[in-house]
Amino acid sequence: RVRSIERIVFNNSGTESVLMALRAARAYTGRH
């Protein structure tokens, strides 16, 4: 449905989703 999404993980809320997205971005880029 969403063209930019190739892989996905599920949790329980928008808060958790944002928390994990930011954590993923930090891990991927090495920045904080």
Full PDB file with SEQRES, HELIX, SHEET, SSBOND, CRYST1, ORIGX, SCALE, CONECT and MASTER records, all heavy atoms in Angstrom:
SEQRES   1 A   32  ARG VAL ARG SER ILE GLU ARG ILE VAL PHE ASN ASN SER          
SEQRES   2 A   32  GLY THR GLU SER VAL LEU MET ALA LEU ARG ALA ALA ARG          
SEQRES   3 A   32  ALA TYR THR GLY ARG HIS                                      
HELIX    1 AA1 GLY A   14  THR A   29  1                                  16    
CRYST1    1.000    1.000    1.000  90.00  90.00  90.00 P 1           1          
ORIGX1      1.000000  0.000000  0.000000        0.00000                         
ORIGX2      0.000000  1.000000  0.000000        0.00000                         
ORIGX3      0.000000  0.000000  1.000000        0.00000                         
SCALE1      1.000000  0.000000  0.000000        0.00000                         
SCALE2      0.000000  1.000000  0.000000        0.00000                         
SCALE3      0.000000  0.000000  1.000000        0.00000                         
ATOM      1  N   ARG A   1       0.819  -1.218   0.000  1.00  0.00           N  
ATOM      2  CA  ARG A   1       0.000   0.000   0.000  1.00  0.00           C  
ATOM      3  C   ARG A   1       0.852   1.268   0.000  1.00  0.00           C  
ATOM      4  O   ARG A   1       0.515   2.242  -0.677  1.00  0.00           O  
ATOM      5  CB  ARG A   1      -0.905  -0.047   1.236  1.00  0.00           C  
ATOM      6  CG  ARG A   1      -1.941   1.050   1.323  1.00  0.00           C  
ATOM      7  CD  ARG A   1      -2.885   0.775   2.482  1.00  0.00           C  
ATOM      8  NE  ARG A   1      -3.968   1.719   2.516  1.00  0.00           N  
ATOM      9  CZ  ARG A   1      -5.258   1.399   2.643  1.00  0.00           C  
ATOM     10  NH1 ARG A   1      -5.618   0.118   2.751  1.00  0.00           N  
ATOM     11  NH2 ARG A   1      -6.197   2.321   2.659  1.00  0.00           N  
ATOM     12  N   VAL A   2       1.905   1.288   0.782  1.00  0.00           N  
ATOM     13  CA  VAL A   2       2.743   2.478   0.929  1.00  0.00           C  
ATOM     14  C   VAL A   2       4.042   2.236   0.181  1.00  0.00           C  
ATOM     15  O   VAL A   2       4.868   1.401   0.586  1.00  0.00           O  
ATOM     16  CB  VAL A   2       3.014   2.786   2.417  1.00  0.00           C  
ATOM     17  CG1 VAL A   2       3.823   4.072   2.547  1.00  0.00           C  
ATOM     18  CG2 VAL A   2       1.701   2.906   3.185  1.00  0.00           C  
ATOM     19  N   ARG A   3       4.245   2.970  -0.896  1.00  0.00           N  
ATOM     20  CA  ARG A   3       5.318   2.704  -1.855  1.00  0.00           C  
ATOM     21  C   ARG A   3       6.709   2.731  -1.232  1.00  0.00           C  
ATOM     22  O   ARG A   3       7.598   1.994  -1.632  1.00  0.00           O  
ATOM     23  CB  ARG A   3       5.236   3.733  -2.982  1.00  0.00           C  
ATOM     24  CG  ARG A   3       6.209   3.543  -4.124  1.00  0.00           C  
ATOM     25  CD  ARG A   3       5.875   4.513  -5.249  1.00  0.00           C  
ATOM     26  NE  ARG A   3       5.808   5.885  -4.730  1.00  0.00           N  
ATOM     27  CZ  ARG A   3       6.698   6.814  -5.019  1.00  0.00           C  
ATOM     28  NH1 ARG A   3       7.712   6.541  -5.806  1.00  0.00           N  
ATOM     29  NH2 ARG A   3       6.581   8.036  -4.533  1.00  0.00           N  
ATOM     30  N   SER A   4       6.929   3.594  -0.238  1.00  0.00           N  
ATOM     31  CA  SER A   4       8.275   3.749   0.337  1.00  0.00           C  
ATOM     32  C   SER A   4       8.638   2.638   1.311  1.00  0.00           C  
ATOM     33  O   SER A   4       9.788   2.551   1.746  1.00  0.00           O  
ATOM     34  CB  SER A   4       8.378   5.100   1.060  1.00  0.00           C  
ATOM     35  OG  SER A   4       7.535   5.122   2.203  1.00  0.00           O  
ATOM     36  N   ILE A   5       7.677   1.784   1.659  1.00  0.00           N  
ATOM     37  CA  ILE A   5       7.918   0.763   2.681  1.00  0.00           C  
ATOM     38  C   ILE A   5       8.270  -0.572   2.023  1.00  0.00           C  
ATOM     39  O   ILE A   5       7.457  -1.167   1.318  1.00  0.00           O  
ATOM     40  CB  ILE A   5       6.690   0.596   3.604  1.00  0.00           C  
ATOM     41  CG1 ILE A   5       6.435   1.896   4.371  1.00  0.00           C  
ATOM     42  CG2 ILE A   5       6.907  -0.555   4.567  1.00  0.00           C  
ATOM     43  CD1 ILE A   5       5.218   1.839   5.265  1.00  0.00           C  
ATOM     44  N   GLU A   6       9.489  -1.035   2.290  1.00  0.00           N  
ATOM     45  CA  GLU A   6       9.933  -2.345   1.806  1.00  0.00           C  
ATOM     46  C   GLU A   6       9.894  -3.390   2.911  1.00  0.00           C  
ATOM     47  O   GLU A   6       9.659  -4.580   2.649  1.00  0.00           O  
ATOM     48  CB  GLU A   6      11.346  -2.231   1.242  1.00  0.00           C  
ATOM     49  CG  GLU A   6      11.433  -1.337   0.005  1.00  0.00           C  
ATOM     50  CD  GLU A   6      12.840  -1.182  -0.509  1.00  0.00           C  
ATOM     51  OE1 GLU A   6      13.785  -1.109   0.325  1.00  0.00           O  
ATOM     52  OE2 GLU A   6      13.004  -1.131  -1.740  1.00  0.00           O  
ATOM     53  N   ARG A   7      10.148  -2.950   4.149  1.00  0.00           N  
ATOM     54  CA  ARG A   7      10.097  -3.861   5.290  1.00  0.00           C  
ATOM     55  C   ARG A   7       9.471  -3.118   6.461  1.00  0.00           C  
ATOM     56  O   ARG A   7       9.491  -1.878   6.516  1.00  0.00           O  
ATOM     57  CB  ARG A   7      11.501  -4.369   5.635  1.00  0.00           C  
ATOM     58  CG  ARG A   7      12.216  -4.977   4.445  1.00  0.00           C  
ATOM     59  CD  ARG A   7      13.527  -5.608   4.819  1.00  0.00           C  
ATOM     60  NE  ARG A   7      13.322  -6.892   5.504  1.00  0.00           N  
ATOM     61  CZ  ARG A   7      14.317  -7.664   5.924  1.00  0.00           C  
ATOM     62  NH1 ARG A   7      15.573  -7.289   5.755  1.00  0.00           N  
ATOM     63  NH2 ARG A   7      14.064  -8.799   6.533  1.00  0.00           N  
ATOM     64  N   ILE A   8       8.945  -3.878   7.429  1.00  0.00           N  
ATOM     65  CA  ILE A   8       8.140  -3.252   8.480  1.00  0.00           C  
ATOM     66  C   ILE A   8       8.212  -4.061   9.769  1.00  0.00           C  
ATOM     67  O   ILE A   8       8.378  -5.295   9.723  1.00  0.00           O  
ATOM     68  CB  ILE A   8       6.669  -3.122   7.997  1.00  0.00           C  
ATOM     69  CG1 ILE A   8       5.848  -2.232   8.925  1.00  0.00           C  
ATOM     70  CG2 ILE A   8       6.016  -4.491   7.827  1.00  0.00           C  
ATOM     71  CD1 ILE A   8       4.486  -1.865   8.328  1.00  0.00           C  
ATOM     72  N   VAL A   9       8.144  -3.373  10.906  1.00  0.00           N  
ATOM     73  CA  VAL A   9       8.018  -4.036  12.213  1.00  0.00           C  
ATOM     74  C   VAL A   9       6.844  -3.402  12.958  1.00  0.00           C  
ATOM     75  O   VAL A   9       6.532  -2.224  12.767  1.00  0.00           O  
ATOM     76  CB  VAL A   9       9.305  -3.922  13.065  1.00  0.00           C  
ATOM     77  CG1 VAL A   9      10.431  -4.732  12.447  1.00  0.00           C  
ATOM     78  CG2 VAL A   9       9.725  -2.472  13.242  1.00  0.00           C  
ATOM     79  N   PHE A  10       6.206  -4.182  13.816  1.00  0.00           N  
ATOM     80  CA  PHE A  10       5.009  -3.740  14.525  1.00  0.00           C  
ATOM     81  C   PHE A  10       5.257  -3.598  16.022  1.00  0.00           C  
ATOM     82  O   PHE A  10       6.013  -4.373  16.624  1.00  0.00           O  
ATOM     83  CB  PHE A  10       3.867  -4.729  14.300  1.00  0.00           C  
ATOM     84  CG  PHE A  10       3.424  -4.818  12.870  1.00  0.00           C  
ATOM     85  CD1 PHE A  10       3.841  -5.882  12.076  1.00  0.00           C  
ATOM     86  CD2 PHE A  10       2.612  -3.846  12.307  1.00  0.00           C  
ATOM     87  CE1 PHE A  10       3.449  -5.974  10.750  1.00  0.00           C  
ATOM     88  CE2 PHE A  10       2.219  -3.921  10.981  1.00  0.00           C  
ATOM     89  CZ  PHE A  10       2.637  -4.988  10.194  1.00  0.00           C  
ATOM     90  N   ASN A  11       4.587  -2.615  16.609  1.00  0.00           N  
ATOM     91  CA  ASN A  11       4.590  -2.436  18.065  1.00  0.00           C  
ATOM     92  C   ASN A  11       3.183  -2.026  18.496  1.00  0.00           C  
ATOM     93  O   ASN A  11       2.208  -2.502  17.893  1.00  0.00           O  
ATOM     94  CB  ASN A  11       5.668  -1.445  18.493  1.00  0.00           C  
ATOM     95  CG  ASN A  11       5.746  -0.252  17.565  1.00  0.00           C  
ATOM     96  OD1 ASN A  11       4.754   0.441  17.353  1.00  0.00           O  
ATOM     97  ND2 ASN A  11       6.912  -0.009  16.991  1.00  0.00           N  
ATOM     98  N   ASN A  12       3.057  -1.169  19.502  1.00  0.00           N  
ATOM     99  CA  ASN A  12       1.740  -0.962  20.098  1.00  0.00           C  
ATOM    100  C   ASN A  12       1.175   0.447  20.032  1.00  0.00           C  
ATOM    101  O   ASN A  12       0.054   0.672  20.486  1.00  0.00           O  
ATOM    102  CB  ASN A  12       1.775  -1.394  21.576  1.00  0.00           C  
ATOM    103  CG  ASN A  12       2.087  -2.860  21.726  1.00  0.00           C  
ATOM    104  OD1 ASN A  12       1.291  -3.707  21.359  1.00  0.00           O  
ATOM    105  ND2 ASN A  12       3.269  -3.174  22.238  1.00  0.00           N  
ATOM    106  N   SER A  13       1.906   1.408  19.506  1.00  0.00           N  
ATOM    107  CA  SER A  13       1.401   2.784  19.513  1.00  0.00           C  
ATOM    108  C   SER A  13       2.247   3.665  18.616  1.00  0.00           C  
ATOM    109  O   SER A  13       3.359   3.297  18.220  1.00  0.00           O  
ATOM    110  CB  SER A  13       1.418   3.358  20.936  1.00  0.00           C  
ATOM    111  OG  SER A  13       2.760   3.537  21.376  1.00  0.00           O  
ATOM    112  N   GLY A  14       1.731   4.852  18.339  1.00  0.00           N  
ATOM    113  CA  GLY A  14       2.510   5.830  17.606  1.00  0.00           C  
ATOM    114  C   GLY A  14       3.748   6.256  18.365  1.00  0.00           C  
ATOM    115  O   GLY A  14       4.804   6.500  17.771  1.00  0.00           O  
ATOM    116  N   THR A  15       3.625   6.369  19.683  1.00  0.00           N  
ATOM    117  CA  THR A  15       4.786   6.730  20.507  1.00  0.00           C  
ATOM    118  C   THR A  15       5.911   5.723  20.333  1.00  0.00           C  
ATOM    119  O   THR A  15       7.077   6.092  20.116  1.00  0.00           O  
ATOM    120  CB  THR A  15       4.384   6.815  21.984  1.00  0.00           C  
ATOM    121  OG1 THR A  15       3.536   7.953  22.181  1.00  0.00           O  
ATOM    122  CG2 THR A  15       5.601   6.951  22.891  1.00  0.00           C  
ATOM    123  N   GLU A  16       5.587   4.436  20.405  1.00  0.00           N  
ATOM    124  CA  GLU A  16       6.613   3.402  20.247  1.00  0.00           C  
ATOM    125  C   GLU A  16       7.188   3.422  18.834  1.00  0.00           C  
ATOM    126  O   GLU A  16       8.395   3.215  18.639  1.00  0.00           O  
ATOM    127  CB  GLU A  16       6.023   2.031  20.555  1.00  0.00           C  
ATOM    128  CG  GLU A  16       5.701   1.807  22.021  1.00  0.00           C  
ATOM    129  CD  GLU A  16       5.216   0.398  22.292  1.00  0.00           C  
ATOM    130  OE1 GLU A  16       5.579  -0.526  21.532  1.00  0.00           O  
ATOM    131  OE2 GLU A  16       4.463   0.217  23.258  1.00  0.00           O  
ATOM    132  N   SER A  17       6.343   3.673  17.853  1.00  0.00           N  
ATOM    133  CA  SER A  17       6.812   3.689  16.472  1.00  0.00           C  
ATOM    134  C   SER A  17       7.839   4.786  16.255  1.00  0.00           C  
ATOM    135  O   SER A  17       8.887   4.567  15.630  1.00  0.00           O  
ATOM    136  CB  SER A  17       5.632   3.894  15.520  1.00  0.00           C  
ATOM    137  OG  SER A  17       4.720   2.832  15.632  1.00  0.00           O  
ATOM    138  N   VAL A  18       7.546   5.979  16.756  1.00  0.00           N  
ATOM    139  CA  VAL A  18       8.482   7.097  16.609  1.00  0.00           C  
ATOM    140  C   VAL A  18       9.772   6.815  17.373  1.00  0.00           C  
ATOM    141  O   VAL A  18      10.881   7.061  16.876  1.00  0.00           O  
ATOM    142  CB  VAL A  18       7.835   8.405  17.081  1.00  0.00           C  
ATOM    143  CG1 VAL A  18       8.868   9.517  17.217  1.00  0.00           C  
ATOM    144  CG2 VAL A  18       6.732   8.817  16.115  1.00  0.00           C  
ATOM    145  N   LEU A  19       9.638   6.313  18.596  1.00  0.00           N  
ATOM    146  CA  LEU A  19      10.820   5.992  19.398  1.00  0.00           C  
ATOM    147  C   LEU A  19      11.742   5.046  18.632  1.00  0.00           C  
ATOM    148  O   LEU A  19      12.959   5.249  18.559  1.00  0.00           O  
ATOM    149  CB  LEU A  19      10.377   5.366  20.717  1.00  0.00           C  
ATOM    150  CG  LEU A  19      11.415   5.101  21.797  1.00  0.00           C  
ATOM    151  CD1 LEU A  19      10.742   5.066  23.170  1.00  0.00           C  
ATOM    152  CD2 LEU A  19      12.133   3.774  21.574  1.00  0.00           C  
ATOM    153  N   MET A  20      11.157   3.996  18.020  1.00  0.00           N  
ATOM    154  CA  MET A  20      11.968   3.012  17.310  1.00  0.00           C  
ATOM    155  C   MET A  20      12.510   3.567  15.998  1.00  0.00           C  
ATOM    156  O   MET A  20      13.618   3.224  15.584  1.00  0.00           O  
ATOM    157  CB  MET A  20      11.159   1.740  17.061  1.00  0.00           C  
ATOM    158  CG  MET A  20      10.759   1.001  18.330  1.00  0.00           C  
ATOM    159  SD  MET A  20      12.145   0.692  19.472  1.00  0.00           S  
ATOM    160  CE  MET A  20      13.259  -0.258  18.451  1.00  0.00           C  
ATOM    161  N   ALA A  21      11.755   4.419  15.332  1.00  0.00           N  
ATOM    162  CA  ALA A  21      12.237   5.018  14.085  1.00  0.00           C  
ATOM    163  C   ALA A  21      13.453   5.903  14.353  1.00  0.00           C  
ATOM    164  O   ALA A  21      14.444   5.878  13.603  1.00  0.00           O  
ATOM    165  CB  ALA A  21      11.129   5.822  13.416  1.00  0.00           C  
ATOM    166  N   LEU A  22      13.391   6.690  15.419  1.00  0.00           N  
ATOM    167  CA  LEU A  22      14.525   7.544  15.769  1.00  0.00           C  
ATOM    168  C   LEU A  22      15.734   6.702  16.162  1.00  0.00           C  
ATOM    169  O   LEU A  22      16.879   7.014  15.796  1.00  0.00           O  
ATOM    170  CB  LEU A  22      14.145   8.486  16.908  1.00  0.00           C  
ATOM    171  CG  LEU A  22      13.122   9.567  16.571  1.00  0.00           C  
ATOM    172  CD1 LEU A  22      12.750  10.351  17.814  1.00  0.00           C  
ATOM    173  CD2 LEU A  22      13.642  10.504  15.487  1.00  0.00           C  
ATOM    174  N   ARG A  23      15.481   5.641  16.876  1.00  0.00           N  
ATOM    175  CA  ARG A  23      16.585   4.762  17.278  1.00  0.00           C  
ATOM    176  C   ARG A  23      17.228   4.105  16.057  1.00  0.00           C  
ATOM    177  O   ARG A  23      18.458   3.981  15.956  1.00  0.00           O  
ATOM    178  CB  ARG A  23      16.072   3.711  18.263  1.00  0.00           C  
ATOM    179  CG  ARG A  23      17.177   2.925  18.957  1.00  0.00           C  
ATOM    180  CD  ARG A  23      16.609   2.071  20.068  1.00  0.00           C  
ATOM    181  NE  ARG A  23      16.164   2.892  21.201  1.00  0.00           N  
ATOM    182  CZ  ARG A  23      15.486   2.420  22.259  1.00  0.00           C  
ATOM    183  NH1 ARG A  23      15.178   1.123  22.314  1.00  0.00           N  
ATOM    184  NH2 ARG A  23      15.124   3.220  23.226  1.00  0.00           N  
ATOM    185  N   ALA A  24      16.388   3.703  15.113  1.00  0.00           N  
ATOM    186  CA  ALA A  24      16.907   3.098  13.882  1.00  0.00           C  
ATOM    187  C   ALA A  24      17.742   4.107  13.097  1.00  0.00           C  
ATOM    188  O   ALA A  24      18.798   3.772  12.549  1.00  0.00           O  
ATOM    189  CB  ALA A  24      15.756   2.578  13.026  1.00  0.00           C  
ATOM    190  N   ALA A  25      17.259   5.360  13.027  1.00  0.00           N  
ATOM    191  CA  ALA A  25      17.984   6.403  12.296  1.00  0.00           C  
ATOM    192  C   ALA A  25      19.342   6.664  12.934  1.00  0.00           C  
ATOM    193  O   ALA A  25      20.351   6.849  12.233  1.00  0.00           O  
ATOM    194  CB  ALA A  25      17.156   7.683  12.261  1.00  0.00           C  
ATOM    195  N   ARG A  26      19.380   6.685  14.262  1.00  0.00           N  
ATOM    196  CA  ARG A  26      20.659   6.912  14.947  1.00  0.00           C  
ATOM    197  C   ARG A  26      21.624   5.753  14.691  1.00  0.00           C  
ATOM    198  O   ARG A  26      22.820   5.967  14.465  1.00  0.00           O  
ATOM    199  CB  ARG A  26      20.405   7.091  16.442  1.00  0.00           C  
ATOM    200  CG  ARG A  26      19.725   8.412  16.808  1.00  0.00           C  
ATOM    201  CD  ARG A  26      19.655   8.582  18.316  1.00  0.00           C  
ATOM    202  NE  ARG A  26      19.108   9.877  18.677  1.00  0.00           N  
ATOM    203  CZ  ARG A  26      17.901  10.072  19.213  1.00  0.00           C  
ATOM    204  NH1 ARG A  26      17.107   9.027  19.442  1.00  0.00           N  
ATOM    205  NH2 ARG A  26      17.486  11.289  19.503  1.00  0.00           N  
ATOM    206  N   ALA A  27      21.096   4.538  14.751  1.00  0.00           N  
ATOM    207  CA  ALA A  27      21.958   3.380  14.523  1.00  0.00           C  
ATOM    208  C   ALA A  27      22.492   3.361  13.091  1.00  0.00           C  
ATOM    209  O   ALA A  27      23.665   3.066  12.846  1.00  0.00           O  
ATOM    210  CB  ALA A  27      21.187   2.099  14.810  1.00  0.00           C  
ATOM    211  N   TYR A  28      21.649   3.687  12.142  1.00  0.00           N  
ATOM    212  CA  TYR A  28      22.022   3.628  10.726  1.00  0.00           C  
ATOM    213  C   TYR A  28      23.037   4.707  10.370  1.00  0.00           C  
ATOM    214  O   TYR A  28      23.985   4.458   9.608  1.00  0.00           O  
ATOM    215  CB  TYR A  28      20.774   3.767   9.861  1.00  0.00           C  
ATOM    216  CG  TYR A  28      21.033   3.585   8.386  1.00  0.00           C  
ATOM    217  CD1 TYR A  28      21.120   2.316   7.826  1.00  0.00           C  
ATOM    218  CD2 TYR A  28      21.178   4.695   7.546  1.00  0.00           C  
ATOM    219  CE1 TYR A  28      21.362   2.146   6.470  1.00  0.00           C  
ATOM    220  CE2 TYR A  28      21.423   4.544   6.192  1.00  0.00           C  
ATOM    221  CZ  TYR A  28      21.516   3.260   5.650  1.00  0.00           C  
ATOM    222  OH  TYR A  28      21.762   3.105   4.309  1.00  0.00           O  
ATOM    223  N   THR A  29      22.847   5.916  10.917  1.00  0.00           N  
ATOM    224  CA  THR A  29      23.721   7.041  10.548  1.00  0.00           C  
ATOM    225  C   THR A  29      24.927   7.196  11.460  1.00  0.00           C  
ATOM    226  O   THR A  29      25.909   7.851  11.088  1.00  0.00           O  
ATOM    227  CB  THR A  29      22.938   8.360  10.575  1.00  0.00           C  
ATOM    228  OG1 THR A  29      22.496   8.616  11.927  1.00  0.00           O  
ATOM    229  CG2 THR A  29      21.747   8.323   9.633  1.00  0.00           C  
ATOM    230  N   GLY A  30      24.864   6.661  12.677  1.00  0.00           N  
ATOM    231  CA  GLY A  30      25.930   6.866  13.642  1.00  0.00           C  
ATOM    232  C   GLY A  30      25.895   8.248  14.274  1.00  0.00           C  
ATOM    233  O   GLY A  30      26.838   8.644  14.969  1.00  0.00           O  
ATOM    234  N   ARG A  31      24.824   8.998  14.076  1.00  0.00           N  
ATOM    235  CA  ARG A  31      24.658  10.334  14.648  1.00  0.00           C  
ATOM    236  C   ARG A  31      23.578  10.278  15.732  1.00  0.00           C  
ATOM    237  O   ARG A  31      22.846   9.293  15.836  1.00  0.00           O  
ATOM    238  CB  ARG A  31      24.249  11.334  13.560  1.00  0.00           C  
ATOM    239  CG  ARG A  31      25.150  11.325  12.341  1.00  0.00           C  
ATOM    240  CD  ARG A  31      24.521  12.108  11.193  1.00  0.00           C  
ATOM    241  NE  ARG A  31      25.254  11.993   9.947  1.00  0.00           N  
ATOM    242  CZ  ARG A  31      24.807  12.431   8.775  1.00  0.00           C  
ATOM    243  NH1 ARG A  31      23.622  13.037   8.703  1.00  0.00           N  
ATOM    244  NH2 ARG A  31      25.533  12.280   7.683  1.00  0.00           N  
ATOM    245  N   HIS A  32      23.464  11.357  16.527  1.00  0.00           N  
ATOM    246  CA  HIS A  32      22.468  11.299  17.599  1.00  0.00           C  
ATOM    247  C   HIS A  32      21.492  12.464  17.615  1.00  0.00           C  
ATOM    248  O   HIS A  32      20.416  12.367  18.209  1.00  0.00           O  
ATOM    249  CB  HIS A  32      23.149  11.183  18.968  1.00  0.00           C  
ATOM    250  CG  HIS A  32      24.064  12.317  19.302  1.00  0.00           C  
ATOM    251  ND1 HIS A  32      23.639  13.454  19.924  1.00  0.00           N  
ATOM    252  CD2 HIS A  32      25.405  12.474  19.086  1.00  0.00           C  
ATOM    253  CE1 HIS A  32      24.668  14.273  20.087  1.00  0.00           C  
ATOM    254  NE2 HIS A  32      25.741  13.701  19.591  1.00  0.00           N  
TER     255      HIS A  32                                                      
MASTER        0    0    0    1    0    0    0    6  254    1    0    3          
END                                                                             
